[in-house]
Amino acid sequence: MYIQQAELTRGVGRDFVKALTAMSVKEEHEQGDILFRKGDPANHAYLLLIGCVHLKMGETGQVIYTVRRPGETFGWSSLVDRDVFSSTAECVKQTTMRKLHRNDFQKLLEKDPTNGLIFFKRLAGMLGERLLESYASYEKLFRGETFV
């Protein structure tokens, strides 16, 4: 999986993707590693390469979303100028990802606003799909069905 293959970068220019790749850092994490906690400063976004990450909410740590498809982005709070993360991210198994600092991303947007607009349209679409998935999950829950 490469950044240029990610759903989020579909349609943006080659130079924009090269810049994203150059400014991001490849990281590997073990099962159980916490990448960030709800309320932590939202300084980074992540692009999943391999593995699985649970996004959790609340005191009980209820899983609200599972990042499992290569190319999925999470930690998007840092990309939309939120000060803190709204969930906790925990690696469910060994996971490899690219980590992007919000300040580097902001500089890229200032340099290339046209591709930045395309990027944010893709991000809005992805977040909309996640919202619809969560609605479907809660519908199943309220009907008494089990879901994964």
N, C-alpha and C. Protein backbone atom coordinates (compact mmCIF):
# COMPACT_ATOMS: atom_id res chain seq x y z
N MET A 1 0.85 -1.17 0.00
CA MET A 1 0.00 0.00 0.00
C MET A 1 0.89 1.23 0.00
N TYR A 2 0.61 2.12 -0.90
CA TYR A 2 1.31 3.38 -0.99
C TYR A 2 0.29 4.50 -0.84
N ILE A 3 0.74 5.67 -0.43
CA ILE A 3 -0.17 6.79 -0.23
C ILE A 3 -0.95 7.09 -1.50
N GLN A 4 -0.32 6.99 -2.66
CA GLN A 4 -1.03 7.31 -3.91
C GLN A 4 -2.15 6.32 -4.20
N GLN A 5 -2.18 5.18 -3.53
CA GLN A 5 -3.23 4.19 -3.72
C GLN A 5 -4.37 4.37 -2.73
N ALA A 6 -4.21 5.26 -1.76
CA ALA A 6 -5.21 5.45 -0.72
C ALA A 6 -6.43 6.16 -1.28
N GLU A 7 -7.59 5.78 -0.76
CA GLU A 7 -8.84 6.40 -1.19
C GLU A 7 -8.80 7.91 -1.01
N LEU A 8 -8.17 8.34 0.07
CA LEU A 8 -8.13 9.76 0.41
C LEU A 8 -7.36 10.60 -0.61
N THR A 9 -6.41 10.02 -1.29
CA THR A 9 -5.59 10.79 -2.23
C THR A 9 -6.01 10.59 -3.69
N ARG A 10 -7.08 9.85 -3.91
CA ARG A 10 -7.56 9.64 -5.27
C ARG A 10 -7.96 10.99 -5.87
N GLY A 11 -7.39 11.32 -7.01
CA GLY A 11 -7.74 12.56 -7.71
C GLY A 11 -6.83 13.73 -7.43
N VAL A 12 -5.96 13.64 -6.44
CA VAL A 12 -5.03 14.74 -6.19
C VAL A 12 -3.79 14.57 -7.07
N GLY A 13 -3.06 15.65 -7.26
CA GLY A 13 -1.89 15.63 -8.13
C GLY A 13 -0.73 14.82 -7.58
N ARG A 14 0.11 14.39 -8.50
CA ARG A 14 1.27 13.57 -8.14
C ARG A 14 2.21 14.29 -7.17
N ASP A 15 2.44 15.58 -7.39
CA ASP A 15 3.34 16.33 -6.51
C ASP A 15 2.78 16.43 -5.09
N PHE A 16 1.47 16.56 -4.98
CA PHE A 16 0.82 16.60 -3.67
C PHE A 16 1.05 15.28 -2.93
N VAL A 17 0.87 14.18 -3.64
CA VAL A 17 1.07 12.86 -3.03
C VAL A 17 2.53 12.65 -2.65
N LYS A 18 3.44 13.08 -3.52
CA LYS A 18 4.87 12.96 -3.19
C LYS A 18 5.20 13.75 -1.93
N ALA A 19 4.64 14.95 -1.82
CA ALA A 19 4.88 15.76 -0.63
C ALA A 19 4.32 15.10 0.62
N LEU A 20 3.11 14.54 0.53
CA LEU A 20 2.53 13.82 1.67
C LEU A 20 3.41 12.66 2.10
N THR A 21 3.91 11.93 1.12
CA THR A 21 4.77 10.79 1.42
C THR A 21 6.06 11.25 2.09
N ALA A 22 6.66 12.30 1.55
CA ALA A 22 7.93 12.79 2.08
C ALA A 22 7.80 13.31 3.51
N MET A 23 6.66 13.92 3.83
CA MET A 23 6.52 14.51 5.16
C MET A 23 5.94 13.54 6.19
N SER A 24 5.49 12.38 5.76
CA SER A 24 4.95 11.40 6.72
C SER A 24 6.04 10.42 7.12
N VAL A 25 5.82 9.78 8.26
CA VAL A 25 6.79 8.84 8.82
C VAL A 25 6.13 7.47 8.91
N LYS A 26 6.84 6.44 8.48
CA LYS A 26 6.33 5.07 8.59
C LYS A 26 6.58 4.57 10.01
N GLU A 27 5.53 4.02 10.63
CA GLU A 27 5.64 3.48 11.98
C GLU A 27 5.06 2.08 12.05
N GLU A 28 5.61 1.28 12.96
CA GLU A 28 5.08 -0.05 13.24
C GLU A 28 4.73 -0.11 14.71
N HIS A 29 3.59 -0.71 15.00
CA HIS A 29 3.11 -0.82 16.38
C HIS A 29 2.65 -2.24 16.66
N GLU A 30 2.76 -2.63 17.92
CA GLU A 30 2.36 -3.97 18.36
C GLU A 30 0.91 -3.97 18.83
N GLN A 31 0.35 -5.17 18.91
CA GLN A 31 -0.99 -5.33 19.47
C GLN A 31 -1.04 -4.70 20.86
N GLY A 32 -2.08 -3.93 21.12
CA GLY A 32 -2.24 -3.30 22.42
C GLY A 32 -1.66 -1.90 22.52
N ASP A 33 -0.85 -1.49 21.55
CA ASP A 33 -0.29 -0.13 21.58
C ASP A 33 -1.41 0.90 21.42
N ILE A 34 -1.35 1.93 22.24
CA ILE A 34 -2.28 3.05 22.15
C ILE A 34 -1.59 4.15 21.34
N LEU A 35 -2.22 4.55 20.25
CA LEU A 35 -1.65 5.59 19.39
C LEU A 35 -1.98 6.98 19.92
N PHE A 36 -3.20 7.13 20.41
CA PHE A 36 -3.63 8.36 21.06
C PHE A 36 -4.86 8.06 21.90
N ARG A 37 -5.10 8.91 22.88
CA ARG A 37 -6.27 8.76 23.74
C ARG A 37 -7.21 9.95 23.54
N LYS A 38 -8.48 9.70 23.78
CA LYS A 38 -9.47 10.77 23.73
C LYS A 38 -8.99 11.91 24.63
N GLY A 39 -8.96 13.12 24.06
CA GLY A 39 -8.51 14.28 24.82
C GLY A 39 -7.05 14.63 24.62
N ASP A 40 -6.26 13.72 24.03
CA ASP A 40 -4.86 14.04 23.71
C ASP A 40 -4.81 15.11 22.63
N PRO A 41 -3.76 15.92 22.60
CA PRO A 41 -3.61 16.91 21.53
C PRO A 41 -3.63 16.22 20.16
N ALA A 42 -4.44 16.76 19.26
CA ALA A 42 -4.58 16.17 17.91
C ALA A 42 -3.50 16.75 17.00
N ASN A 43 -2.32 16.14 17.07
CA ASN A 43 -1.18 16.64 16.31
C ASN A 43 -0.85 15.81 15.07
N HIS A 44 -1.42 14.61 14.95
CA HIS A 44 -1.08 13.71 13.86
C HIS A 44 -2.31 13.04 13.27
N ALA A 45 -2.23 12.74 12.00
CA ALA A 45 -3.20 11.88 11.33
C ALA A 45 -2.45 10.63 10.88
N TYR A 46 -3.17 9.55 10.64
CA TYR A 46 -2.57 8.27 10.31
C TYR A 46 -3.22 7.67 9.07
N LEU A 47 -2.41 6.95 8.30
CA LEU A 47 -2.88 6.21 7.14
C LEU A 47 -2.49 4.76 7.36
N LEU A 48 -3.48 3.87 7.45
CA LEU A 48 -3.22 2.46 7.70
C LEU A 48 -2.59 1.81 6.47
N LEU A 49 -1.50 1.10 6.68
CA LEU A 49 -0.87 0.31 5.62
C LEU A 49 -1.24 -1.16 5.78
N ILE A 50 -0.99 -1.68 6.99
CA ILE A 50 -1.29 -3.08 7.31
C ILE A 50 -1.71 -3.14 8.77
N GLY A 51 -2.73 -3.93 9.07
CA GLY A 51 -3.10 -4.14 10.46
C GLY A 51 -4.53 -3.77 10.75
N CYS A 52 -4.77 -3.41 12.02
CA CYS A 52 -6.13 -3.13 12.46
C CYS A 52 -6.07 -2.25 13.71
N VAL A 53 -6.91 -1.21 13.73
CA VAL A 53 -6.94 -0.27 14.84
C VAL A 53 -8.40 -0.07 15.26
N HIS A 54 -8.66 -0.20 16.56
CA HIS A 54 -9.99 0.11 17.09
C HIS A 54 -10.00 1.57 17.54
N LEU A 55 -11.05 2.27 17.15
CA LEU A 55 -11.31 3.61 17.68
C LEU A 55 -12.38 3.45 18.75
N LYS A 56 -12.09 3.90 19.95
CA LYS A 56 -12.95 3.67 21.10
C LYS A 56 -13.41 4.98 21.73
N MET A 57 -14.60 4.90 22.36
CA MET A 57 -15.17 6.06 23.05
C MET A 57 -15.56 5.68 24.46
N GLY A 58 -15.69 6.68 25.28
CA GLY A 58 -16.28 6.52 26.60
C GLY A 58 -15.40 5.81 27.61
N GLU A 59 -15.92 5.77 28.81
CA GLU A 59 -15.23 5.15 29.95
C GLU A 59 -15.00 3.66 29.74
N THR A 60 -15.97 3.00 29.09
CA THR A 60 -15.87 1.55 28.91
C THR A 60 -15.03 1.18 27.69
N GLY A 61 -14.68 2.16 26.88
CA GLY A 61 -13.87 1.88 25.71
C GLY A 61 -14.62 1.15 24.62
N GLN A 62 -15.90 1.48 24.45
CA GLN A 62 -16.70 0.84 23.41
C GLN A 62 -16.13 1.18 22.04
N VAL A 63 -15.94 0.15 21.22
CA VAL A 63 -15.42 0.33 19.87
C VAL A 63 -16.49 1.00 19.02
N ILE A 64 -16.14 2.15 18.44
CA ILE A 64 -17.09 2.86 17.58
C ILE A 64 -16.76 2.68 16.10
N TYR A 65 -15.51 2.30 15.83
CA TYR A 65 -15.12 2.07 14.43
C TYR A 65 -13.85 1.23 14.43
N THR A 66 -13.74 0.35 13.44
CA THR A 66 -12.52 -0.44 13.27
C THR A 66 -11.88 -0.07 11.95
N VAL A 67 -10.64 0.41 12.03
CA VAL A 67 -9.86 0.75 10.84
C VAL A 67 -9.14 -0.52 10.43
N ARG A 68 -9.52 -1.07 9.27
CA ARG A 68 -8.93 -2.36 8.87
C ARG A 68 -8.53 -2.42 7.41
N ARG A 69 -9.01 -1.47 6.60
CA ARG A 69 -8.70 -1.51 5.17
C ARG A 69 -7.45 -0.68 4.88
N PRO A 70 -6.46 -1.27 4.22
CA PRO A 70 -5.27 -0.49 3.85
C PRO A 70 -5.69 0.77 3.11
N GLY A 71 -5.08 1.88 3.51
CA GLY A 71 -5.39 3.16 2.90
C GLY A 71 -6.39 3.99 3.68
N GLU A 72 -7.02 3.39 4.72
CA GLU A 72 -7.96 4.15 5.54
C GLU A 72 -7.18 5.16 6.39
N THR A 73 -7.79 6.31 6.58
CA THR A 73 -7.20 7.37 7.38
C THR A 73 -7.95 7.48 8.70
N PHE A 74 -7.21 7.73 9.77
CA PHE A 74 -7.83 7.97 11.07
C PHE A 74 -7.00 9.00 11.81
N GLY A 75 -7.54 9.51 12.89
CA GLY A 75 -6.89 10.63 13.58
C GLY A 75 -7.11 11.92 12.80
N TRP A 76 -8.20 11.95 12.06
CA TRP A 76 -8.48 13.07 11.16
C TRP A 76 -8.74 14.37 11.91
N SER A 77 -8.94 14.31 13.23
CA SER A 77 -9.15 15.54 14.00
C SER A 77 -8.01 16.53 13.76
N SER A 78 -6.81 16.02 13.60
CA SER A 78 -5.66 16.90 13.38
C SER A 78 -5.73 17.60 12.02
N LEU A 79 -6.43 17.01 11.07
CA LEU A 79 -6.51 17.58 9.72
C LEU A 79 -7.57 18.68 9.63
N VAL A 80 -8.50 18.70 10.57
CA VAL A 80 -9.59 19.67 10.50
C VAL A 80 -9.53 20.67 11.65
N ASP A 81 -8.33 20.85 12.18
CA ASP A 81 -8.06 21.86 13.20
C ASP A 81 -8.78 21.65 14.52
N ARG A 82 -9.11 20.41 14.85
CA ARG A 82 -9.61 20.14 16.21
C ARG A 82 -8.40 20.11 17.14
N ASP A 83 -8.56 20.60 18.34
CA ASP A 83 -7.44 20.66 19.27
C ASP A 83 -7.09 19.31 19.88
N VAL A 84 -8.13 18.47 20.09
CA VAL A 84 -7.90 17.18 20.74
C VAL A 84 -8.59 16.07 19.97
N PHE A 85 -8.12 14.85 20.19
CA PHE A 85 -8.75 13.68 19.57
C PHE A 85 -10.08 13.39 20.26
N SER A 86 -11.04 12.91 19.48
CA SER A 86 -12.38 12.62 20.02
C SER A 86 -12.55 11.16 20.39
N SER A 87 -11.52 10.34 20.17
CA SER A 87 -11.59 8.92 20.51
C SER A 87 -10.20 8.43 20.89
N THR A 88 -10.13 7.18 21.30
CA THR A 88 -8.86 6.51 21.60
C THR A 88 -8.59 5.50 20.49
N ALA A 89 -7.34 5.43 20.04
CA ALA A 89 -6.95 4.50 18.98
C ALA A 89 -6.01 3.44 19.55
N GLU A 90 -6.44 2.17 19.44
CA GLU A 90 -5.64 1.05 19.95
C GLU A 90 -5.41 0.03 18.85
N CYS A 91 -4.16 -0.38 18.69
CA CYS A 91 -3.82 -1.41 17.71
C CYS A 91 -4.36 -2.76 18.18
N VAL A 92 -5.10 -3.43 17.31
CA VAL A 92 -5.69 -4.72 17.64
C VAL A 92 -4.71 -5.85 17.34
N LYS A 93 -3.82 -5.61 16.41
CA LYS A 93 -2.76 -6.55 16.07
C LYS A 93 -1.58 -5.73 15.57
N GLN A 94 -0.49 -6.40 15.20
CA GLN A 94 0.66 -5.66 14.70
C GLN A 94 0.20 -4.80 13.51
N THR A 95 0.56 -3.53 13.55
CA THR A 95 0.04 -2.57 12.59
C THR A 95 1.14 -1.68 12.05
N THR A 96 1.09 -1.42 10.75
CA THR A 96 2.02 -0.50 10.09
C THR A 96 1.21 0.63 9.50
N MET A 97 1.71 1.86 9.69
CA MET A 97 0.98 3.03 9.20
C MET A 97 1.95 4.14 8.83
N ARG A 98 1.41 5.17 8.20
CA ARG A 98 2.15 6.40 7.95
C ARG A 98 1.54 7.45 8.86
N LYS A 99 2.39 8.25 9.49
CA LYS A 99 1.97 9.26 10.46
C LYS A 99 2.33 10.64 9.89
N LEU A 100 1.35 11.54 9.88
CA LEU A 100 1.51 12.87 9.29
C LEU A 100 1.25 13.93 10.35
N HIS A 101 2.20 14.83 10.54
CA HIS A 101 2.03 15.91 11.52
C HIS A 101 1.15 17.01 10.94
N ARG A 102 0.27 17.54 11.76
CA ARG A 102 -0.69 18.55 11.31
C ARG A 102 -0.03 19.80 10.78
N ASN A 103 1.10 20.24 11.35
CA ASN A 103 1.77 21.46 10.87
C ASN A 103 2.33 21.27 9.47
N ASP A 104 2.89 20.09 9.20
CA ASP A 104 3.41 19.80 7.86
C ASP A 104 2.28 19.80 6.85
N PHE A 105 1.15 19.19 7.23
CA PHE A 105 0.00 19.14 6.33
C PHE A 105 -0.53 20.54 6.05
N GLN A 106 -0.59 21.38 7.09
CA GLN A 106 -1.08 22.75 6.92
C GLN A 106 -0.21 23.52 5.93
N LYS A 107 1.10 23.35 6.02
CA LYS A 107 2.02 24.02 5.08
C LYS A 107 1.76 23.55 3.65
N LEU A 108 1.50 22.26 3.48
CA LEU A 108 1.22 21.74 2.15
C LEU A 108 -0.07 22.34 1.59
N LEU A 109 -1.09 22.47 2.44
CA LEU A 109 -2.36 23.07 2.00
C LEU A 109 -2.16 24.52 1.56
N GLU A 110 -1.35 25.25 2.29
CA GLU A 110 -1.09 26.64 1.93
C GLU A 110 -0.35 26.74 0.60
N LYS A 111 0.52 25.77 0.35
CA LYS A 111 1.30 25.75 -0.88
C LYS A 111 0.47 25.28 -2.08
N ASP A 112 -0.48 24.38 -1.85
CA ASP A 112 -1.25 23.77 -2.94
C ASP A 112 -2.73 23.67 -2.57
N PRO A 113 -3.44 24.80 -2.52
CA PRO A 113 -4.84 24.78 -2.09
C PRO A 113 -5.77 24.03 -3.05
N THR A 114 -5.44 23.97 -4.33
CA THR A 114 -6.30 23.27 -5.28
C THR A 114 -6.37 21.79 -4.95
N ASN A 115 -5.23 21.16 -4.77
CA ASN A 115 -5.22 19.74 -4.39
C ASN A 115 -5.71 19.54 -2.97
N GLY A 116 -5.51 20.54 -2.12
CA GLY A 116 -6.03 20.47 -0.76
C GLY A 116 -7.55 20.39 -0.75
N LEU A 117 -8.20 21.13 -1.65
CA LEU A 117 -9.66 21.08 -1.75
C LEU A 117 -10.13 19.69 -2.18
N ILE A 118 -9.45 19.09 -3.14
CA ILE A 118 -9.79 17.73 -3.57
C ILE A 118 -9.62 16.76 -2.40
N PHE A 119 -8.52 16.90 -1.67
CA PHE A 119 -8.24 16.06 -0.51
C PHE A 119 -9.38 16.16 0.51
N PHE A 120 -9.81 17.38 0.82
CA PHE A 120 -10.86 17.56 1.81
C PHE A 120 -12.22 17.06 1.33
N LYS A 121 -12.47 17.13 0.04
CA LYS A 121 -13.71 16.53 -0.48
C LYS A 121 -13.69 15.03 -0.28
N ARG A 122 -12.55 14.40 -0.52
CA ARG A 122 -12.42 12.95 -0.29
C ARG A 122 -12.59 12.64 1.20
N LEU A 123 -11.97 13.47 2.06
CA LEU A 123 -12.09 13.26 3.49
C LEU A 123 -13.55 13.37 3.94
N ALA A 124 -14.26 14.37 3.45
CA ALA A 124 -15.67 14.54 3.80
C ALA A 124 -16.48 13.31 3.37
N GLY A 125 -16.21 12.78 2.19
CA GLY A 125 -16.89 11.58 1.72
C GLY A 125 -16.63 10.38 2.61
N MET A 126 -15.37 10.21 3.02
CA MET A 126 -15.01 9.09 3.90
C MET A 126 -15.71 9.21 5.25
N LEU A 127 -15.72 10.40 5.80
CA LEU A 127 -16.37 10.60 7.10
C LEU A 127 -17.87 10.37 6.99
N GLY A 128 -18.47 10.77 5.89
CA GLY A 128 -19.88 10.50 5.67
C GLY A 128 -20.17 9.01 5.62
N GLU A 129 -19.31 8.25 4.95
CA GLU A 129 -19.50 6.80 4.89
C GLU A 129 -19.38 6.17 6.27
N ARG A 130 -18.41 6.63 7.06
CA ARG A 130 -18.26 6.11 8.42
C ARG A 130 -19.51 6.41 9.25
N LEU A 131 -20.05 7.58 9.08
CA LEU A 131 -21.26 7.94 9.81
C LEU A 131 -22.41 7.03 9.43
N LEU A 132 -22.57 6.77 8.15
CA LEU A 132 -23.63 5.86 7.69
C LEU A 132 -23.42 4.45 8.24
N GLU A 133 -22.16 3.99 8.27
CA GLU A 133 -21.86 2.66 8.84
C GLU A 133 -22.25 2.62 10.31
N SER A 134 -21.96 3.70 11.04
CA SER A 134 -22.30 3.71 12.46
C SER A 134 -23.81 3.71 12.66
N TYR A 135 -24.55 4.42 11.81
CA TYR A 135 -26.01 4.39 11.88
C TYR A 135 -26.53 2.97 11.68
N ALA A 136 -25.97 2.28 10.68
CA ALA A 136 -26.41 0.90 10.40
C ALA A 136 -26.11 -0.01 11.58
N SER A 137 -24.94 0.17 12.20
CA SER A 137 -24.58 -0.65 13.36
C SER A 137 -25.53 -0.43 14.52
N TYR A 138 -25.87 0.82 14.78
CA TYR A 138 -26.79 1.11 15.88
C TYR A 138 -28.19 0.61 15.59
N GLU A 139 -28.61 0.65 14.34
CA GLU A 139 -29.92 0.09 13.99
C GLU A 139 -29.95 -1.40 14.32
N LYS A 140 -28.88 -2.11 13.97
CA LYS A 140 -28.81 -3.54 14.28
C LYS A 140 -28.83 -3.76 15.78
N LEU A 141 -28.09 -2.94 16.50
CA LEU A 141 -28.02 -3.07 17.96
C LEU A 141 -29.41 -2.90 18.58
N PHE A 142 -30.13 -1.89 18.13
CA PHE A 142 -31.46 -1.63 18.69
C PHE A 142 -32.48 -2.69 18.27
N ARG A 143 -32.22 -3.39 17.18
CA ARG A 143 -33.11 -4.49 16.78
C ARG A 143 -32.70 -5.79 17.46
N GLY A 144 -31.60 -5.77 18.22
CA GLY A 144 -31.15 -6.95 18.93
C GLY A 144 -30.25 -7.85 18.13
N GLU A 145 -29.80 -7.40 16.95
CA GLU A 145 -28.90 -8.19 16.14
C GLU A 145 -27.47 -7.98 16.63
N THR A 146 -26.65 -8.97 16.37
CA THR A 146 -25.22 -8.82 16.70
C THR A 146 -24.52 -8.29 15.45
N PHE A 147 -23.45 -7.56 15.67
CA PHE A 147 -22.68 -7.02 14.55
C PHE A 147 -21.22 -6.97 14.93
N VAL A 148 -20.39 -6.89 13.91
CA VAL A 148 -18.94 -6.83 14.12
C VAL A 148 -18.43 -5.53 13.57
